[in-house]
Amino acid sequence: MTAQISDDDLRSQTILMGDAMGAQKTLIIGCGAIAREILAIKQANGWDHLDLLCLPAIWHNTPDKIPQGVADMVQKHRDSYAQIFVAYADCGTGGMLQKTCDDLGVQMIKGPHCYAFFQGDTMFAGHEDADITAFYLTDFLARQFDAFVWRPLGLDRHPQLLDSYFGHYDRLVYLAQIDDPQLTQKAQDCADRMGLHFERRITGYGDLTQWMGAAAQPQNS
């Protein structure tokens, strides 16, 4: 089954189920902000035994909701799957998501956030000091900039707040998962609106591919 992901899905809870049947299915509980990327990797590798259930991408604006949301989903679906993996990094939870996953006995992606694992943790660490004044976008945020950045910060109503929020940034770094001219233009437009220099880095899916490859292995392999 090919799942279609709408923008409305990504603002709310998204459930995207695969084709596999029986006890060998694996569930990935992930962030809606990386749903397209997870599905692209799954479909490219023919991992039909992987199912995906996504929590609301907008929870990145209220990360305290993420650990309990993940815990609820693990408890709800644990008996239906041989394995469950959590497709989140820390994502602003201050270590609470890692503790939740440890308590539940499920694995999550290493790293602070998707900006790190899309670049690859090693490469991200090499850029971290130089990027301290960089504002990151991913493909998802390039598509959803107004819904996830501009309007939640009130900049559609109070543009005078722009410098208060972004005055300490000097550039926007677009971490591109795919080479799409339209998305690149969207990201460039975001940089222009913020008054920042624009830089694009094509990262692909970074560490997410390797992590999903491990998740796709049978439980007792």
N, C-alpha and C. Protein backbone atom coordinates (compact mmCIF):
# COMPACT_ATOMS: atom_id res chain seq x y z
N MET A 1 0.85 -1.20 0.00
CA MET A 1 0.00 0.00 0.00
C MET A 1 0.88 1.24 0.00
N THR A 2 0.65 2.15 -0.89
CA THR A 2 1.37 3.41 -0.93
C THR A 2 0.56 4.46 -0.19
N ALA A 3 1.13 5.02 0.86
CA ALA A 3 0.41 5.99 1.69
C ALA A 3 0.59 7.38 1.12
N GLN A 4 -0.48 8.12 1.04
CA GLN A 4 -0.43 9.50 0.62
C GLN A 4 -0.41 10.39 1.85
N ILE A 5 0.52 11.29 1.92
CA ILE A 5 0.69 12.14 3.10
C ILE A 5 0.29 13.56 2.75
N SER A 6 -0.76 14.03 3.34
CA SER A 6 -1.20 15.39 3.09
C SER A 6 -0.62 16.33 4.14
N ASP A 7 -0.66 17.63 3.85
CA ASP A 7 -0.20 18.60 4.83
C ASP A 7 -1.05 18.56 6.09
N ASP A 8 -2.37 18.31 5.94
CA ASP A 8 -3.22 18.21 7.11
C ASP A 8 -2.81 17.03 7.99
N ASP A 9 -2.43 15.90 7.36
CA ASP A 9 -1.95 14.75 8.12
C ASP A 9 -0.76 15.14 8.98
N LEU A 10 0.15 15.91 8.42
CA LEU A 10 1.39 16.23 9.10
C LEU A 10 1.19 17.21 10.24
N ARG A 11 0.07 17.93 10.23
CA ARG A 11 -0.23 18.83 11.34
C ARG A 11 -0.93 18.10 12.48
N SER A 12 -1.44 16.90 12.19
CA SER A 12 -2.14 16.13 13.19
C SER A 12 -1.52 14.75 13.27
N GLN A 13 -2.19 13.82 13.94
CA GLN A 13 -1.65 12.47 14.02
C GLN A 13 -1.82 11.75 12.69
N THR A 14 -0.77 11.10 12.25
CA THR A 14 -0.76 10.40 10.97
C THR A 14 -0.54 8.92 11.23
N ILE A 15 -1.38 8.07 10.67
CA ILE A 15 -1.17 6.64 10.75
C ILE A 15 -0.97 6.12 9.34
N LEU A 16 0.17 5.52 9.09
CA LEU A 16 0.53 5.02 7.76
C LEU A 16 0.95 3.57 7.92
N MET A 17 0.09 2.66 7.51
CA MET A 17 0.35 1.26 7.76
C MET A 17 0.91 0.57 6.53
N GLY A 18 1.73 -0.44 6.75
CA GLY A 18 2.33 -1.19 5.66
C GLY A 18 1.49 -2.38 5.24
N ASP A 19 2.13 -3.34 4.57
CA ASP A 19 1.41 -4.45 3.98
C ASP A 19 1.58 -5.77 4.73
N ALA A 20 2.51 -5.85 5.63
CA ALA A 20 2.86 -7.14 6.21
C ALA A 20 1.79 -7.65 7.16
N MET A 21 1.76 -8.95 7.33
CA MET A 21 0.83 -9.60 8.24
C MET A 21 1.64 -10.49 9.18
N GLY A 22 1.08 -10.74 10.35
CA GLY A 22 1.68 -11.73 11.23
C GLY A 22 2.64 -11.16 12.24
N ALA A 23 3.28 -12.09 12.96
CA ALA A 23 4.05 -11.72 14.15
C ALA A 23 5.38 -11.05 13.83
N GLN A 24 5.84 -11.08 12.58
CA GLN A 24 7.15 -10.52 12.28
C GLN A 24 7.09 -9.04 11.89
N LYS A 25 5.96 -8.41 12.01
CA LYS A 25 5.88 -6.99 11.69
C LYS A 25 6.65 -6.15 12.70
N THR A 26 7.18 -5.04 12.20
CA THR A 26 7.87 -4.07 13.03
C THR A 26 7.17 -2.74 12.90
N LEU A 27 6.97 -2.06 14.02
CA LEU A 27 6.34 -0.75 14.03
C LEU A 27 7.39 0.32 14.28
N ILE A 28 7.35 1.37 13.48
CA ILE A 28 8.13 2.57 13.73
C ILE A 28 7.16 3.66 14.17
N ILE A 29 7.39 4.19 15.36
CA ILE A 29 6.63 5.33 15.86
C ILE A 29 7.50 6.55 15.62
N GLY A 30 7.03 7.45 14.77
CA GLY A 30 7.89 8.55 14.37
C GLY A 30 7.23 9.90 14.42
N CYS A 31 8.04 10.89 14.14
CA CYS A 31 7.58 12.27 14.06
C CYS A 31 6.99 12.52 12.68
N GLY A 32 5.85 13.20 12.62
CA GLY A 32 5.24 13.51 11.34
C GLY A 32 6.12 14.34 10.43
N ALA A 33 7.10 15.04 11.01
CA ALA A 33 7.98 15.88 10.20
C ALA A 33 8.95 15.07 9.34
N ILE A 34 9.12 13.77 9.64
CA ILE A 34 10.00 12.95 8.81
C ILE A 34 9.24 11.78 8.19
N ALA A 35 7.91 11.88 8.13
CA ALA A 35 7.11 10.79 7.58
C ALA A 35 7.44 10.51 6.13
N ARG A 36 7.54 11.55 5.31
CA ARG A 36 7.86 11.35 3.88
C ARG A 36 9.19 10.62 3.72
N GLU A 37 10.17 11.01 4.51
CA GLU A 37 11.49 10.43 4.39
C GLU A 37 11.49 8.96 4.82
N ILE A 38 10.79 8.65 5.91
CA ILE A 38 10.70 7.26 6.37
C ILE A 38 10.02 6.40 5.30
N LEU A 39 8.94 6.90 4.74
CA LEU A 39 8.24 6.13 3.71
C LEU A 39 9.09 5.95 2.46
N ALA A 40 9.83 7.00 2.09
CA ALA A 40 10.67 6.90 0.91
C ALA A 40 11.73 5.82 1.08
N ILE A 41 12.36 5.77 2.26
CA ILE A 41 13.37 4.75 2.53
C ILE A 41 12.74 3.37 2.58
N LYS A 42 11.62 3.25 3.24
CA LYS A 42 10.90 1.96 3.33
C LYS A 42 10.56 1.43 1.94
N GLN A 43 10.00 2.27 1.11
CA GLN A 43 9.57 1.83 -0.21
C GLN A 43 10.75 1.53 -1.13
N ALA A 44 11.82 2.32 -1.02
CA ALA A 44 12.99 2.09 -1.86
C ALA A 44 13.65 0.75 -1.56
N ASN A 45 13.53 0.29 -0.32
CA ASN A 45 14.17 -0.95 0.09
C ASN A 45 13.22 -2.14 0.14
N GLY A 46 11.95 -1.91 -0.16
CA GLY A 46 10.98 -3.00 -0.15
C GLY A 46 10.72 -3.58 1.23
N TRP A 47 10.81 -2.74 2.25
CA TRP A 47 10.60 -3.23 3.62
C TRP A 47 9.11 -3.21 3.95
N ASP A 48 8.38 -4.15 3.35
CA ASP A 48 6.93 -4.16 3.51
C ASP A 48 6.49 -4.60 4.90
N HIS A 49 7.40 -5.16 5.67
CA HIS A 49 7.04 -5.59 7.02
C HIS A 49 7.13 -4.44 8.03
N LEU A 50 7.54 -3.27 7.58
CA LEU A 50 7.60 -2.10 8.47
C LEU A 50 6.31 -1.32 8.38
N ASP A 51 5.71 -1.03 9.51
CA ASP A 51 4.57 -0.13 9.60
C ASP A 51 5.02 1.17 10.24
N LEU A 52 4.34 2.24 9.91
CA LEU A 52 4.69 3.56 10.44
C LEU A 52 3.48 4.21 11.06
N LEU A 53 3.67 4.70 12.26
CA LEU A 53 2.65 5.49 12.94
C LEU A 53 3.31 6.78 13.40
N CYS A 54 2.76 7.92 12.99
CA CYS A 54 3.40 9.20 13.29
C CYS A 54 2.59 10.04 14.26
N LEU A 55 3.28 10.64 15.19
CA LEU A 55 2.69 11.62 16.09
C LEU A 55 2.76 12.99 15.44
N PRO A 56 1.98 13.95 15.94
CA PRO A 56 1.88 15.26 15.27
C PRO A 56 3.22 15.98 15.15
N ALA A 57 3.55 16.41 13.96
CA ALA A 57 4.78 17.16 13.74
C ALA A 57 4.80 18.46 14.54
N ILE A 58 3.65 19.06 14.77
CA ILE A 58 3.58 20.34 15.47
C ILE A 58 4.01 20.21 16.93
N TRP A 59 4.11 18.98 17.44
CA TRP A 59 4.57 18.80 18.81
C TRP A 59 6.00 19.26 19.01
N HIS A 60 6.73 19.51 17.93
CA HIS A 60 8.06 20.09 18.10
C HIS A 60 7.99 21.47 18.72
N ASN A 61 6.85 22.11 18.63
CA ASN A 61 6.68 23.41 19.30
C ASN A 61 6.33 23.25 20.77
N THR A 62 5.96 22.05 21.18
CA THR A 62 5.65 21.73 22.58
C THR A 62 6.25 20.36 22.89
N PRO A 63 7.59 20.25 22.92
CA PRO A 63 8.24 18.94 23.00
C PRO A 63 7.95 18.17 24.27
N ASP A 64 7.43 18.82 25.30
CA ASP A 64 7.08 18.09 26.51
C ASP A 64 5.99 17.05 26.26
N LYS A 65 5.25 17.17 25.15
CA LYS A 65 4.20 16.20 24.83
C LYS A 65 4.76 14.91 24.23
N ILE A 66 5.97 14.97 23.70
CA ILE A 66 6.48 13.86 22.90
C ILE A 66 6.71 12.59 23.73
N PRO A 67 7.37 12.64 24.89
CA PRO A 67 7.62 11.39 25.62
C PRO A 67 6.34 10.64 25.98
N GLN A 68 5.34 11.35 26.49
CA GLN A 68 4.10 10.67 26.86
C GLN A 68 3.36 10.16 25.63
N GLY A 69 3.39 10.93 24.54
CA GLY A 69 2.76 10.48 23.31
C GLY A 69 3.39 9.21 22.79
N VAL A 70 4.71 9.14 22.82
CA VAL A 70 5.41 7.92 22.40
C VAL A 70 5.06 6.77 23.34
N ALA A 71 5.07 7.02 24.65
CA ALA A 71 4.76 5.97 25.61
C ALA A 71 3.36 5.40 25.38
N ASP A 72 2.40 6.28 25.14
CA ASP A 72 1.03 5.83 24.91
C ASP A 72 0.95 4.94 23.67
N MET A 73 1.66 5.33 22.60
CA MET A 73 1.62 4.55 21.37
C MET A 73 2.31 3.20 21.53
N VAL A 74 3.42 3.18 22.25
CA VAL A 74 4.10 1.91 22.48
C VAL A 74 3.19 0.96 23.25
N GLN A 75 2.58 1.47 24.31
CA GLN A 75 1.71 0.62 25.12
C GLN A 75 0.51 0.13 24.33
N LYS A 76 -0.03 0.98 23.48
CA LYS A 76 -1.22 0.62 22.70
C LYS A 76 -0.92 -0.46 21.68
N HIS A 77 0.27 -0.43 21.09
CA HIS A 77 0.56 -1.30 19.95
C HIS A 77 1.57 -2.40 20.23
N ARG A 78 2.08 -2.47 21.45
CA ARG A 78 3.15 -3.42 21.74
C ARG A 78 2.77 -4.86 21.43
N ASP A 79 1.55 -5.26 21.74
CA ASP A 79 1.16 -6.66 21.57
C ASP A 79 0.95 -7.05 20.11
N SER A 80 0.91 -6.07 19.22
CA SER A 80 0.63 -6.36 17.81
C SER A 80 1.89 -6.47 16.96
N TYR A 81 3.07 -6.21 17.55
CA TYR A 81 4.31 -6.15 16.78
C TYR A 81 5.43 -6.92 17.46
N ALA A 82 6.29 -7.51 16.63
CA ALA A 82 7.46 -8.18 17.16
C ALA A 82 8.47 -7.19 17.70
N GLN A 83 8.55 -6.01 17.07
CA GLN A 83 9.50 -4.99 17.48
C GLN A 83 8.87 -3.61 17.30
N ILE A 84 9.28 -2.68 18.13
CA ILE A 84 8.89 -1.28 18.00
C ILE A 84 10.14 -0.41 18.09
N PHE A 85 10.27 0.53 17.17
CA PHE A 85 11.36 1.49 17.17
C PHE A 85 10.77 2.90 17.16
N VAL A 86 11.53 3.86 17.69
CA VAL A 86 11.05 5.23 17.82
C VAL A 86 11.89 6.15 16.94
N ALA A 87 11.28 6.70 15.91
CA ALA A 87 11.96 7.58 14.94
C ALA A 87 11.87 9.03 15.39
N TYR A 88 12.49 9.28 16.51
CA TYR A 88 12.74 10.62 17.04
C TYR A 88 14.18 10.65 17.53
N ALA A 89 14.83 11.81 17.44
CA ALA A 89 16.00 12.07 18.25
C ALA A 89 15.50 12.71 19.55
N ASP A 90 16.35 13.41 20.28
CA ASP A 90 15.88 14.01 21.53
C ASP A 90 14.81 15.07 21.28
N CYS A 91 14.99 15.88 20.23
CA CYS A 91 13.95 16.80 19.76
C CYS A 91 13.43 17.74 20.83
N GLY A 92 14.34 18.22 21.67
CA GLY A 92 13.96 19.23 22.65
C GLY A 92 13.34 18.70 23.92
N THR A 93 13.38 17.37 24.15
CA THR A 93 12.75 16.81 25.34
C THR A 93 13.68 16.78 26.55
N GLY A 94 14.91 17.26 26.39
CA GLY A 94 15.83 17.33 27.51
C GLY A 94 16.18 15.98 28.11
N GLY A 95 16.26 14.96 27.27
CA GLY A 95 16.60 13.63 27.74
C GLY A 95 15.42 12.79 28.20
N MET A 96 14.23 13.40 28.29
CA MET A 96 13.08 12.66 28.79
C MET A 96 12.60 11.59 27.81
N LEU A 97 12.74 11.84 26.51
CA LEU A 97 12.33 10.82 25.55
C LEU A 97 13.25 9.60 25.64
N GLN A 98 14.55 9.83 25.78
CA GLN A 98 15.48 8.71 25.94
C GLN A 98 15.13 7.89 27.17
N LYS A 99 14.82 8.57 28.29
CA LYS A 99 14.45 7.85 29.52
C LYS A 99 13.18 7.04 29.29
N THR A 100 12.20 7.65 28.61
CA THR A 100 10.96 6.93 28.33
C THR A 100 11.22 5.69 27.50
N CYS A 101 12.04 5.83 26.46
CA CYS A 101 12.35 4.69 25.59
C CYS A 101 13.12 3.61 26.36
N ASP A 102 14.05 4.03 27.20
CA ASP A 102 14.80 3.06 28.01
C ASP A 102 13.85 2.29 28.93
N ASP A 103 12.93 3.02 29.56
CA ASP A 103 11.98 2.38 30.46
C ASP A 103 11.07 1.39 29.72
N LEU A 104 10.74 1.71 28.47
CA LEU A 104 9.85 0.86 27.68
C LEU A 104 10.60 -0.24 26.94
N GLY A 105 11.94 -0.15 26.90
CA GLY A 105 12.73 -1.15 26.20
C GLY A 105 12.66 -1.03 24.69
N VAL A 106 12.54 0.20 24.18
CA VAL A 106 12.52 0.42 22.73
C VAL A 106 13.68 1.34 22.36
N GLN A 107 14.13 1.22 21.11
CA GLN A 107 15.26 2.02 20.64
C GLN A 107 14.80 3.26 19.89
N MET A 108 15.55 4.35 20.04
CA MET A 108 15.27 5.59 19.32
C MET A 108 16.54 6.02 18.58
N ILE A 109 16.41 7.01 17.71
CA ILE A 109 17.55 7.51 16.96
C ILE A 109 18.48 8.31 17.87
N LYS A 110 19.77 8.09 17.74
CA LYS A 110 20.73 8.86 18.53
C LYS A 110 20.84 10.28 17.98
N GLY A 111 21.14 11.22 18.88
CA GLY A 111 21.38 12.60 18.45
C GLY A 111 20.39 13.58 19.02
N PRO A 112 20.67 14.86 18.85
CA PRO A 112 19.83 15.90 19.44
C PRO A 112 18.55 16.19 18.68
N HIS A 113 18.58 16.02 17.33
CA HIS A 113 17.43 16.41 16.52
C HIS A 113 17.64 15.93 15.09
N CYS A 114 16.62 16.15 14.24
CA CYS A 114 16.71 15.65 12.86
C CYS A 114 17.77 16.39 12.05
N TYR A 115 18.09 17.64 12.41
CA TYR A 115 19.15 18.35 11.70
C TYR A 115 20.47 17.59 11.81
N ALA A 116 20.68 16.96 12.97
CA ALA A 116 21.92 16.20 13.18
C ALA A 116 21.90 14.89 12.41
N PHE A 117 20.81 14.11 12.53
CA PHE A 117 20.88 12.80 11.88
C PHE A 117 20.71 12.89 10.37
N PHE A 118 20.09 13.96 9.84
CA PHE A 118 20.07 14.12 8.39
C PHE A 118 21.47 14.45 7.86
N GLN A 119 22.22 15.27 8.57
CA GLN A 119 23.59 15.54 8.16
C GLN A 119 24.51 14.37 8.45
N GLY A 120 24.12 13.55 9.40
CA GLY A 120 25.00 12.53 9.97
C GLY A 120 25.62 13.10 11.22
N ASP A 121 25.54 12.38 12.32
CA ASP A 121 25.99 12.92 13.60
C ASP A 121 27.44 13.39 13.55
N THR A 122 28.29 12.64 12.86
CA THR A 122 29.70 13.03 12.81
C THR A 122 29.89 14.34 12.07
N MET A 123 29.24 14.46 10.91
CA MET A 123 29.36 15.70 10.14
C MET A 123 28.72 16.87 10.88
N PHE A 124 27.57 16.62 11.54
CA PHE A 124 26.93 17.68 12.30
C PHE A 124 27.85 18.20 13.40
N ALA A 125 28.52 17.28 14.09
CA ALA A 125 29.44 17.69 15.15
C ALA A 125 30.56 18.56 14.59
N GLY A 126 30.99 18.26 13.36
CA GLY A 126 32.04 19.06 12.74
C GLY A 126 31.60 20.45 12.36
N HIS A 127 30.29 20.62 12.12
CA HIS A 127 29.76 21.94 11.75
C HIS A 127 29.21 22.72 12.95
N GLU A 128 29.06 22.06 14.09
CA GLU A 128 28.27 22.63 15.19
C GLU A 128 28.75 24.01 15.62
N ASP A 129 30.04 24.19 15.80
CA ASP A 129 30.54 25.49 16.25
C ASP A 129 30.34 26.57 15.17
N ALA A 130 30.64 26.21 13.93
CA ALA A 130 30.51 27.18 12.84
C ALA A 130 29.05 27.53 12.58
N ASP A 131 28.14 26.61 12.91
CA ASP A 131 26.72 26.82 12.62
C ASP A 131 25.95 27.40 13.79
N ILE A 132 26.65 27.89 14.80
CA ILE A 132 25.96 28.37 15.99
C ILE A 132 25.03 29.54 15.68
N THR A 133 25.31 30.27 14.60
CA THR A 133 24.44 31.39 14.20
C THR A 133 23.62 31.05 12.95
N ALA A 134 23.41 29.75 12.70
CA ALA A 134 22.64 29.32 11.53
C ALA A 134 21.26 28.83 11.95
N PHE A 135 20.26 29.19 11.16
CA PHE A 135 18.90 28.69 11.34
C PHE A 135 18.70 27.57 10.31
N TYR A 136 18.30 26.39 10.77
CA TYR A 136 18.18 25.24 9.87
C TYR A 136 16.77 25.08 9.33
N LEU A 137 16.70 24.65 8.08
CA LEU A 137 15.47 24.13 7.50
C LEU A 137 15.74 22.74 6.94
N THR A 138 14.75 21.87 7.01
CA THR A 138 14.73 20.61 6.29
C THR A 138 13.71 20.73 5.16
N ASP A 139 13.56 19.67 4.36
CA ASP A 139 12.53 19.68 3.32
C ASP A 139 11.17 19.95 3.93
N PHE A 140 10.88 19.29 5.04
CA PHE A 140 9.59 19.48 5.70
C PHE A 140 9.37 20.93 6.09
N LEU A 141 10.36 21.54 6.72
CA LEU A 141 10.19 22.92 7.19
C LEU A 141 10.17 23.91 6.02
N ALA A 142 10.83 23.57 4.93
CA ALA A 142 10.71 24.43 3.75
C ALA A 142 9.27 24.43 3.24
N ARG A 143 8.65 23.26 3.26
CA ARG A 143 7.24 23.17 2.83
C ARG A 143 6.31 23.84 3.83
N GLN A 144 6.63 23.70 5.12
CA GLN A 144 5.68 24.07 6.18
C GLN A 144 6.15 25.27 7.01
N PHE A 145 6.93 26.14 6.40
CA PHE A 145 7.53 27.25 7.14
C PHE A 145 6.48 28.15 7.80
N ASP A 146 5.45 28.49 7.05
CA ASP A 146 4.42 29.36 7.63
C ASP A 146 3.71 28.68 8.79
N ALA A 147 3.35 27.40 8.63
CA ALA A 147 2.57 26.70 9.63
C ALA A 147 3.37 26.38 10.89
N PHE A 148 4.68 26.18 10.75
CA PHE A 148 5.48 25.72 11.88
C PHE A 148 6.43 26.76 12.44
N VAL A 149 6.67 27.84 11.70
CA VAL A 149 7.58 28.88 12.18
C VAL A 149 6.90 30.24 12.18
N TRP A 150 6.49 30.72 11.02
CA TRP A 150 6.05 32.10 10.88
C TRP A 150 4.80 32.41 11.71
N ARG A 151 3.76 31.60 11.54
CA ARG A 151 2.52 31.88 12.27
C ARG A 151 2.62 31.56 13.76
N PRO A 152 3.22 30.41 14.17
CA PRO A 152 3.34 30.17 15.61
C PRO A 152 4.11 31.25 16.36
N LEU A 153 5.07 31.89 15.68
CA LEU A 153 5.82 32.97 16.33
C LEU A 153 5.11 34.32 16.23
N GLY A 154 3.95 34.33 15.55
CA GLY A 154 3.16 35.56 15.45
C GLY A 154 3.70 36.56 14.46
N LEU A 155 4.61 36.13 13.56
CA LEU A 155 5.23 37.08 12.64
C LEU A 155 4.29 37.51 11.53
N ASP A 156 3.23 36.73 11.29
CA ASP A 156 2.22 37.16 10.33
C ASP A 156 1.44 38.35 10.85
N ARG A 157 1.36 38.47 12.19
CA ARG A 157 0.61 39.56 12.82
C ARG A 157 1.52 40.67 13.36
N HIS A 158 2.73 40.30 13.72
CA HIS A 158 3.65 41.26 14.34
C HIS A 158 5.03 41.15 13.70
N PRO A 159 5.18 41.56 12.46
CA PRO A 159 6.46 41.43 11.76
C PRO A 159 7.60 42.17 12.44
N GLN A 160 7.28 43.13 13.28
CA GLN A 160 8.32 43.89 13.98
C GLN A 160 9.11 43.01 14.96
N LEU A 161 8.59 41.79 15.24
CA LEU A 161 9.28 40.88 16.14
C LEU A 161 10.38 40.08 15.46
N LEU A 162 10.52 40.26 14.15
CA LEU A 162 11.46 39.45 13.39
C LEU A 162 12.87 39.53 13.97
N ASP A 163 13.35 40.73 14.25
CA ASP A 163 14.71 40.87 14.74
C ASP A 163 14.86 40.30 16.15
N SER A 164 13.80 40.37 16.94
CA SER A 164 13.86 39.80 18.29
C SER A 164 14.08 38.29 18.24
N TYR A 165 13.43 37.63 17.29
CA TYR A 165 13.56 36.18 17.17
C TYR A 165 14.84 35.76 16.45
N PHE A 166 15.19 36.46 15.39
CA PHE A 166 16.23 35.97 14.50
C PHE A 166 17.44 36.90 14.36
N GLY A 167 17.52 37.92 15.21
CA GLY A 167 18.60 38.89 15.08
C GLY A 167 19.97 38.30 15.33
N HIS A 168 20.05 37.17 16.06
CA HIS A 168 21.36 36.58 16.35
C HIS A 168 21.77 35.56 15.30
N TYR A 169 20.93 35.32 14.29
CA TYR A 169 21.30 34.43 13.19
C TYR A 169 21.92 35.24 12.05
N ASP A 170 22.86 34.64 11.32
CA ASP A 170 23.42 35.33 10.16
C ASP A 170 23.11 34.63 8.84
N ARG A 171 22.62 33.39 8.91
CA ARG A 171 22.27 32.69 7.67
C ARG A 171 21.24 31.60 7.93
N LEU A 172 20.56 31.21 6.87
CA LEU A 172 19.66 30.07 6.89
C LEU A 172 20.35 28.94 6.13
N VAL A 173 20.48 27.79 6.77
CA VAL A 173 21.08 26.61 6.15
C VAL A 173 19.97 25.62 5.83
N TYR A 174 19.78 25.38 4.56
CA TYR A 174 18.77 24.43 4.10
C TYR A 174 19.42 23.07 3.93
N LEU A 175 19.03 22.14 4.80
CA LEU A 175 19.51 20.76 4.72
C LEU A 175 18.54 19.99 3.84
N ALA A 176 18.90 19.79 2.59
CA ALA A 176 17.98 19.23 1.60
C ALA A 176 18.06 17.71 1.58
N GLN A 177 16.93 17.06 1.80
CA GLN A 177 16.90 15.60 1.69
C GLN A 177 16.81 15.15 0.23
N ILE A 178 16.14 15.93 -0.60
CA ILE A 178 16.07 15.64 -2.02
C ILE A 178 16.46 16.90 -2.80
N ASP A 179 16.92 16.70 -4.03
CA ASP A 179 17.32 17.83 -4.87
C ASP A 179 16.12 18.29 -5.68
N ASP A 180 15.37 19.24 -5.12
CA ASP A 180 14.12 19.69 -5.70
C ASP A 180 14.20 21.21 -5.88
N PRO A 181 14.22 21.71 -7.11
CA PRO A 181 14.35 23.16 -7.33
C PRO A 181 13.23 23.96 -6.67
N GLN A 182 12.01 23.41 -6.65
CA GLN A 182 10.91 24.15 -6.04
C GLN A 182 11.10 24.29 -4.53
N LEU A 183 11.55 23.21 -3.88
CA LEU A 183 11.81 23.30 -2.45
C LEU A 183 12.98 24.24 -2.16
N THR A 184 13.99 24.19 -3.02
CA THR A 184 15.11 25.11 -2.85
C THR A 184 14.65 26.55 -2.94
N GLN A 185 13.75 26.84 -3.87
CA GLN A 185 13.23 28.20 -3.99
C GLN A 185 12.42 28.59 -2.76
N LYS A 186 11.63 27.64 -2.23
CA LYS A 186 10.88 27.92 -1.01
C LYS A 186 11.84 28.26 0.14
N ALA A 187 12.92 27.48 0.25
CA ALA A 187 13.88 27.74 1.32
C ALA A 187 14.57 29.09 1.12
N GLN A 188 14.90 29.40 -0.13
CA GLN A 188 15.50 30.71 -0.43
C GLN A 188 14.53 31.84 -0.05
N ASP A 189 13.25 31.66 -0.34
CA ASP A 189 12.25 32.66 0.02
C ASP A 189 12.18 32.84 1.54
N CYS A 190 12.29 31.74 2.27
CA CYS A 190 12.29 31.83 3.74
C CYS A 190 13.47 32.66 4.22
N ALA A 191 14.64 32.40 3.65
CA ALA A 191 15.82 33.17 4.04
C ALA A 191 15.63 34.65 3.74
N ASP A 192 15.05 34.95 2.58
CA ASP A 192 14.82 36.35 2.21
C ASP A 192 13.87 37.03 3.19
N ARG A 193 12.81 36.33 3.58
CA ARG A 193 11.85 36.90 4.52
C ARG A 193 12.48 37.17 5.88
N MET A 194 13.44 36.32 6.26
CA MET A 194 14.10 36.46 7.55
C MET A 194 15.29 37.40 7.49
N GLY A 195 15.67 37.83 6.28
CA GLY A 195 16.81 38.71 6.13
C GLY A 195 18.14 38.01 6.37
N LEU A 196 18.22 36.71 6.03
CA LEU A 196 19.41 35.92 6.28
C LEU A 196 20.05 35.49 4.97
N HIS A 197 21.35 35.30 4.99
CA HIS A 197 22.04 34.70 3.85
C HIS A 197 21.57 33.25 3.69
N PHE A 198 21.61 32.75 2.48
CA PHE A 198 21.09 31.42 2.18
C PHE A 198 22.21 30.46 1.84
N GLU A 199 22.16 29.27 2.43
CA GLU A 199 23.10 28.21 2.12
C GLU A 199 22.34 26.90 2.00
N ARG A 200 22.65 26.10 0.97
CA ARG A 200 22.01 24.79 0.83
C ARG A 200 23.06 23.69 0.95
N ARG A 201 22.71 22.65 1.72
CA ARG A 201 23.53 21.44 1.81
C ARG A 201 22.64 20.25 1.47
N ILE A 202 23.00 19.50 0.46
CA ILE A 202 22.24 18.31 0.13
C ILE A 202 22.73 17.17 1.02
N THR A 203 21.90 16.75 1.95
CA THR A 203 22.28 15.73 2.93
C THR A 203 21.76 14.35 2.57
N GLY A 204 20.73 14.27 1.73
CA GLY A 204 20.02 13.00 1.61
C GLY A 204 19.34 12.68 2.93
N TYR A 205 19.22 11.38 3.22
CA TYR A 205 18.53 10.96 4.43
C TYR A 205 19.48 10.70 5.60
N GLY A 206 20.77 10.85 5.36
CA GLY A 206 21.75 10.78 6.43
C GLY A 206 21.68 9.47 7.22
N ASP A 207 21.80 9.59 8.54
CA ASP A 207 21.82 8.42 9.41
C ASP A 207 20.47 7.72 9.48
N LEU A 208 19.40 8.36 9.02
CA LEU A 208 18.07 7.74 9.07
C LEU A 208 18.04 6.44 8.28
N THR A 209 18.73 6.39 7.14
CA THR A 209 18.73 5.18 6.31
C THR A 209 19.36 4.01 7.06
N GLN A 210 20.52 4.25 7.67
CA GLN A 210 21.19 3.18 8.41
C GLN A 210 20.36 2.74 9.60
N TRP A 211 19.77 3.70 10.30
CA TRP A 211 18.94 3.36 11.46
C TRP A 211 17.74 2.52 11.05
N MET A 212 17.09 2.88 9.95
CA MET A 212 15.96 2.09 9.49
C MET A 212 16.39 0.71 9.00
N GLY A 213 17.58 0.62 8.42
CA GLY A 213 18.10 -0.68 8.03
C GLY A 213 18.23 -1.62 9.21
N ALA A 214 18.69 -1.08 10.33
CA ALA A 214 18.78 -1.89 11.55
C ALA A 214 17.40 -2.26 12.07
N ALA A 215 16.48 -1.31 12.01
CA ALA A 215 15.11 -1.59 12.46
C ALA A 215 14.43 -2.64 11.60
N ALA A 216 14.81 -2.72 10.34
CA ALA A 216 14.17 -3.64 9.40
C ALA A 216 14.63 -5.08 9.58
N GLN A 217 15.69 -5.31 10.35
CA GLN A 217 16.19 -6.67 10.52
C GLN A 217 15.23 -7.49 11.40
N PRO A 218 15.07 -8.78 11.08
CA PRO A 218 14.22 -9.64 11.92
C PRO A 218 14.70 -9.64 13.35
N GLN A 219 13.79 -9.89 14.26
CA GLN A 219 14.08 -9.77 15.68
C GLN A 219 15.22 -10.68 16.12
N ASN A 220 15.28 -11.88 15.59
CA ASN A 220 16.26 -12.85 16.06
C ASN A 220 17.40 -13.09 15.09
N SER A 221 17.62 -12.08 14.13
CA SER A 221 18.70 -12.28 13.16
C SER A 221 20.05 -12.05 13.82
